Amino acid sequence: MLDEIVARVAPAVPLPLPREWDGPLEVADTSAYNAHNLAAYSDVPVPGPAQRSADDA
């Protein structure tokens, strides 16, 4: 499916696209993403036992 999308969006890209990656693997830093999610849902109640706030730590 991705080959079809690339063919329409970027016709100069050679197809088929590679099916395997031989390059290096890098680990993403998801801390900013996690912090954003925590802030976005900070006012949503969580069912279950009472939750501590970050200020209580």
N, C-alpha and C. Protein backbone atom coordinates (compact mmCIF):
# COMPACT_ATOMS: atom_id res chain seq x y z
N MET A 1 0.82 -1.17 0.00
CA MET A 1 0.00 0.00 0.00
C MET A 1 0.87 1.25 0.00
N LEU A 2 1.97 1.23 0.77
CA LEU A 2 2.83 2.41 0.84
C LEU A 2 3.43 2.72 -0.52
N ASP A 3 3.75 1.69 -1.29
CA ASP A 3 4.27 1.91 -2.65
C ASP A 3 3.27 2.70 -3.49
N GLU A 4 1.99 2.39 -3.37
CA GLU A 4 0.95 3.09 -4.13
C GLU A 4 0.87 4.56 -3.73
N ILE A 5 0.97 4.82 -2.43
CA ILE A 5 0.92 6.19 -1.96
C ILE A 5 2.12 6.98 -2.46
N VAL A 6 3.30 6.38 -2.34
CA VAL A 6 4.53 7.06 -2.78
C VAL A 6 4.48 7.30 -4.28
N ALA A 7 3.96 6.36 -5.04
CA ALA A 7 3.87 6.52 -6.49
C ALA A 7 3.05 7.76 -6.86
N ARG A 8 2.01 8.05 -6.11
CA ARG A 8 1.17 9.21 -6.41
C ARG A 8 1.75 10.51 -5.86
N VAL A 9 2.33 10.45 -4.66
CA VAL A 9 2.82 11.65 -4.00
C VAL A 9 4.21 12.07 -4.47
N ALA A 10 5.06 11.08 -4.72
CA ALA A 10 6.45 11.35 -5.12
C ALA A 10 6.84 10.42 -6.25
N PRO A 11 6.35 10.68 -7.46
CA PRO A 11 6.58 9.76 -8.58
C PRO A 11 8.05 9.56 -8.94
N ALA A 12 8.95 10.44 -8.51
CA ALA A 12 10.37 10.29 -8.84
C ALA A 12 11.07 9.26 -7.96
N VAL A 13 10.44 8.83 -6.89
CA VAL A 13 11.06 7.86 -5.97
C VAL A 13 10.99 6.47 -6.61
N PRO A 14 12.14 5.77 -6.65
CA PRO A 14 12.14 4.42 -7.24
C PRO A 14 11.31 3.45 -6.41
N LEU A 15 10.54 2.65 -7.11
CA LEU A 15 9.70 1.64 -6.48
C LEU A 15 10.09 0.26 -6.96
N PRO A 16 9.84 -0.79 -6.22
CA PRO A 16 9.21 -0.82 -4.92
C PRO A 16 10.15 -0.27 -3.84
N LEU A 17 9.57 0.20 -2.77
CA LEU A 17 10.36 0.67 -1.64
C LEU A 17 11.05 -0.52 -0.98
N PRO A 18 12.18 -0.26 -0.32
CA PRO A 18 12.88 -1.36 0.37
C PRO A 18 11.97 -2.02 1.41
N ARG A 19 12.10 -3.29 1.57
CA ARG A 19 11.29 -4.03 2.53
C ARG A 19 12.05 -4.30 3.83
N GLU A 20 13.36 -4.05 3.83
CA GLU A 20 14.18 -4.28 5.02
C GLU A 20 15.09 -3.08 5.23
N TRP A 21 15.50 -2.84 6.47
CA TRP A 21 16.37 -1.73 6.81
C TRP A 21 17.70 -2.27 7.30
N ASP A 22 18.80 -1.85 6.64
CA ASP A 22 20.13 -2.29 7.04
C ASP A 22 20.86 -1.22 7.84
N GLY A 23 20.25 -0.08 8.01
CA GLY A 23 20.91 1.02 8.70
C GLY A 23 20.88 0.88 10.21
N PRO A 24 21.39 1.90 10.89
CA PRO A 24 21.45 1.85 12.36
C PRO A 24 20.06 2.01 12.98
N LEU A 25 19.91 1.43 14.14
CA LEU A 25 18.69 1.60 14.91
C LEU A 25 18.96 2.64 15.98
N GLU A 26 18.07 3.60 16.10
CA GLU A 26 18.21 4.62 17.11
C GLU A 26 17.02 4.55 18.05
N VAL A 27 17.24 4.88 19.28
CA VAL A 27 16.19 4.86 20.27
C VAL A 27 15.62 6.27 20.39
N ALA A 28 14.33 6.37 20.30
CA ALA A 28 13.68 7.67 20.39
C ALA A 28 13.55 8.10 21.85
N ASP A 29 13.63 9.40 22.08
CA ASP A 29 13.41 9.95 23.42
C ASP A 29 11.94 10.35 23.50
N THR A 30 11.15 9.55 24.17
CA THR A 30 9.72 9.80 24.24
C THR A 30 9.32 10.62 25.45
N SER A 31 10.29 11.15 26.19
CA SER A 31 9.96 11.88 27.41
C SER A 31 9.09 13.11 27.13
N ALA A 32 9.37 13.84 26.05
CA ALA A 32 8.56 15.02 25.73
C ALA A 32 7.14 14.59 25.37
N TYR A 33 7.00 13.51 24.63
CA TYR A 33 5.68 13.00 24.27
C TYR A 33 4.92 12.59 25.52
N ASN A 34 5.58 11.87 26.41
CA ASN A 34 4.93 11.42 27.64
C ASN A 34 4.52 12.59 28.51
N ALA A 35 5.39 13.60 28.63
CA ALA A 35 5.07 14.77 29.44
C ALA A 35 3.85 15.50 28.87
N HIS A 36 3.78 15.58 27.55
CA HIS A 36 2.64 16.23 26.90
C HIS A 36 1.35 15.48 27.23
N ASN A 37 1.39 14.16 27.13
CA ASN A 37 0.19 13.37 27.41
C ASN A 37 -0.23 13.50 28.87
N LEU A 38 0.75 13.46 29.78
CA LEU A 38 0.41 13.58 31.19
C LEU A 38 -0.25 14.93 31.47
N ALA A 39 0.27 15.98 30.87
CA ALA A 39 -0.31 17.31 31.08
C ALA A 39 -1.70 17.39 30.47
N ALA A 40 -1.90 16.79 29.32
CA ALA A 40 -3.18 16.87 28.62
C ALA A 40 -4.30 16.18 29.40
N TYR A 41 -3.95 15.14 30.14
CA TYR A 41 -4.97 14.37 30.86
C TYR A 41 -4.88 14.54 32.37
N SER A 42 -4.21 15.58 32.85
CA SER A 42 -4.01 15.74 34.29
C SER A 42 -5.32 15.96 35.04
N ASP A 43 -6.34 16.48 34.38
CA ASP A 43 -7.61 16.73 35.06
C ASP A 43 -8.63 15.61 34.87
N VAL A 44 -8.24 14.51 34.24
CA VAL A 44 -9.16 13.40 34.00
C VAL A 44 -9.08 12.44 35.19
N PRO A 45 -10.22 12.19 35.85
CA PRO A 45 -10.18 11.28 37.00
C PRO A 45 -9.85 9.85 36.56
N VAL A 46 -9.11 9.16 37.40
CA VAL A 46 -8.72 7.78 37.14
C VAL A 46 -9.48 6.89 38.11
N PRO A 47 -10.24 5.91 37.61
CA PRO A 47 -10.98 5.03 38.51
C PRO A 47 -10.01 4.20 39.35
N GLY A 48 -10.41 3.89 40.56
CA GLY A 48 -9.56 3.07 41.41
C GLY A 48 -9.12 3.83 42.64
N PRO A 49 -8.08 3.37 43.29
CA PRO A 49 -7.60 4.03 44.50
C PRO A 49 -7.19 5.48 44.21
N ALA A 50 -7.21 6.32 45.24
CA ALA A 50 -6.83 7.71 45.09
C ALA A 50 -5.43 7.82 44.50
N GLN A 51 -5.24 8.77 43.61
CA GLN A 51 -3.97 8.97 42.95
C GLN A 51 -3.22 10.13 43.61
N ARG A 52 -1.91 9.99 43.72
CA ARG A 52 -1.10 11.09 44.23
C ARG A 52 -0.83 12.05 43.10
N SER A 53 -0.67 13.32 43.42
CA SER A 53 -0.28 14.29 42.40
C SER A 53 1.23 14.39 42.39
N ALA A 54 1.78 15.01 41.38
CA ALA A 54 3.22 15.18 41.28
C ALA A 54 3.74 16.05 42.41
N ASP A 55 2.90 16.93 42.95
CA ASP A 55 3.31 17.80 44.04
C ASP A 55 3.47 17.04 45.36
N ASP A 56 2.83 15.86 45.46
CA ASP A 56 2.89 15.07 46.69
C ASP A 56 4.20 14.29 46.82
N ALA A 57 4.93 14.19 45.73
CA ALA A 57 6.14 13.34 45.74
C ALA A 57 7.26 13.93 46.54
